[in-house]
């Protein structure tokens, strides 16, 4: 017969009757971590809006300066 067949049959007999179920759950997040995520997200959004406003202001100021020099 096959040499590994006896080992396979032995392993089948040794296995437990019920399956082993492992439940992996993440630990609950603290309120401080969710609050810090909200604050960092709002600061990021505020920073992006401020950067867009500054860029638009510089562009419009440059356009107005260029139009004034061109017409004079």
C-alpha atoms as a PDB file:
ATOM      1  CA  UNK A   1       0.000   0.000   0.000  1.00  0.00           C
ATOM      2  CA  UNK A   2       0.926   3.640   0.186  1.00  0.00           C
ATOM      3  CA  UNK A   3       3.480   4.555   2.870  1.00  0.00           C
ATOM      4  CA  UNK A   4       1.613   7.679   4.058  1.00  0.00           C
ATOM      5  CA  UNK A   5      -1.801   6.020   4.194  1.00  0.00           C
ATOM      6  CA  UNK A   6      -1.381   4.697   7.746  1.00  0.00           C
ATOM      7  CA  UNK A   7      -0.399   8.153   8.992  1.00  0.00           C
ATOM      8  CA  UNK A   8      -3.412   9.690   7.221  1.00  0.00           C
ATOM      9  CA  UNK A   9      -5.794   7.174   8.791  1.00  0.00           C
ATOM     10  CA  UNK A  10      -4.226   7.831  12.204  1.00  0.00           C
ATOM     11  CA  UNK A  11      -4.715  11.590  11.789  1.00  0.00           C
ATOM     12  CA  UNK A  12      -8.364  11.079  10.825  1.00  0.00           C
ATOM     13  CA  UNK A  13      -9.001   9.147  14.038  1.00  0.00           C
ATOM     14  CA  UNK A  14      -7.288  11.733  16.287  1.00  0.00           C
ATOM     15  CA  UNK A  15      -9.274  14.758  15.041  1.00  0.00           C
ATOM     16  CA  UNK A  16     -11.802  16.190  17.519  1.00  0.00           C
ATOM     17  CA  UNK A  17     -15.488  15.592  16.917  1.00  0.00           C
ATOM     18  CA  UNK A  18     -16.459  19.287  17.141  1.00  0.00           C
ATOM     19  CA  UNK A  19     -14.791  22.021  15.075  1.00  0.00           C
ATOM     20  CA  UNK A  20     -12.778  24.681  16.858  1.00  0.00           C
ATOM     21  CA  UNK A  21     -14.162  28.155  16.161  1.00  0.00           C
ATOM     22  CA  UNK A  22     -11.976  31.184  16.815  1.00  0.00           C
ATOM     23  CA  UNK A  23     -13.736  34.553  16.919  1.00  0.00           C
ATOM     24  CA  UNK A  24     -11.393  37.440  16.097  1.00  0.00           C
ATOM     25  CA  UNK A  25     -12.829  40.804  17.077  1.00  0.00           C
ATOM     26  CA  UNK A  26     -11.225  44.234  17.096  1.00  0.00           C
ATOM     27  CA  UNK A  27     -10.979  46.022  20.430  1.00  0.00           C
ATOM     28  CA  UNK A  28     -13.529  48.809  20.847  1.00  0.00           C
ATOM     29  CA  UNK A  29     -12.296  52.240  19.828  1.00  0.00           C
ATOM     30  CA  UNK A  30     -12.138  54.895  22.483  1.00  0.00           C
ATOM     31  CA  UNK A  31     -13.984  58.183  22.149  1.00  0.00           C
ATOM     32  CA  UNK A  32     -10.674  60.030  22.134  1.00  0.00           C
ATOM     33  CA  UNK A  33      -9.464  58.302  18.980  1.00  0.00           C
ATOM     34  CA  UNK A  34     -12.674  59.035  17.070  1.00  0.00           C
ATOM     35  CA  UNK A  35     -12.632  62.647  18.281  1.00  0.00           C
ATOM     36  CA  UNK A  36      -9.040  63.089  17.106  1.00  0.00           C
ATOM     37  CA  UNK A  37      -9.945  61.660  13.701  1.00  0.00           C
ATOM     38  CA  UNK A  38     -12.782  64.179  13.370  1.00  0.00           C
ATOM     39  CA  UNK A  39     -10.522  67.070  14.397  1.00  0.00           C
ATOM     40  CA  UNK A  40      -7.758  66.068  11.989  1.00  0.00           C
ATOM     41  CA  UNK A  41     -10.290  65.672   9.182  1.00  0.00           C
ATOM     42  CA  UNK A  42     -11.788  69.115   9.808  1.00  0.00           C
ATOM     43  CA  UNK A  43      -8.323  70.715  10.000  1.00  0.00           C
ATOM     44  CA  UNK A  44      -7.430  69.071   6.703  1.00  0.00           C
ATOM     45  CA  UNK A  45     -10.591  70.387   5.078  1.00  0.00           C
ATOM     46  CA  UNK A  46     -10.064  73.868   6.511  1.00  0.00           C
ATOM     47  CA  UNK A  47      -6.453  73.852   5.310  1.00  0.00           C
ATOM     48  CA  UNK A  48      -7.504  72.837   1.805  1.00  0.00           C
ATOM     49  CA  UNK A  49     -10.144  75.582   1.683  1.00  0.00           C
ATOM     50  CA  UNK A  50      -7.662  78.188   2.961  1.00  0.00           C
ATOM     51  CA  UNK A  51      -5.062  77.130   0.392  1.00  0.00           C
ATOM     52  CA  UNK A  52      -7.653  77.338  -2.395  1.00  0.00           C
ATOM     53  CA  UNK A  53      -8.727  80.826  -1.226  1.00  0.00           C
ATOM     54  CA  UNK A  54      -5.128  82.089  -1.077  1.00  0.00           C
ATOM     55  CA  UNK A  55      -4.352  80.687  -4.530  1.00  0.00           C
ATOM     56  CA  UNK A  56      -7.502  82.201  -6.018  1.00  0.00           C
ATOM     57  CA  UNK A  57      -6.772  85.560  -4.347  1.00  0.00           C
ATOM     58  CA  UNK A  58      -3.236  85.661  -5.748  1.00  0.00           C
ATOM     59  CA  UNK A  59      -4.473  84.695  -9.213  1.00  0.00           C
ATOM     60  CA  UNK A  60      -7.229  87.339  -9.256  1.00  0.00           C
ATOM     61  CA  UNK A  61      -4.841  89.991  -7.866  1.00  0.00           C
ATOM     62  CA  UNK A  62      -2.308  89.186 -10.571  1.00  0.00           C
ATOM     63  CA  UNK A  63      -5.003  89.311 -13.250  1.00  0.00           C
ATOM     64  CA  UNK A  64      -6.268  92.689 -12.015  1.00  0.00           C
ATOM     65  CA  UNK A  65      -2.696  94.053 -11.865  1.00  0.00           C
ATOM     66  CA  UNK A  66      -1.974  92.800 -15.394  1.00  0.00           C
ATOM     67  CA  UNK A  67      -5.220  94.292 -16.784  1.00  0.00           C
ATOM     68  CA  UNK A  68      -4.534  97.667 -15.092  1.00  0.00           C
ATOM     69  CA  UNK A  69      -0.993  97.881 -16.519  1.00  0.00           C
ATOM     70  CA  UNK A  70      -2.176  96.829 -19.958  1.00  0.00           C
ATOM     71  CA  UNK A  71      -4.939  99.461 -20.172  1.00  0.00           C
ATOM     72  CA  UNK A  72      -2.728 102.332 -18.950  1.00  0.00           C
END
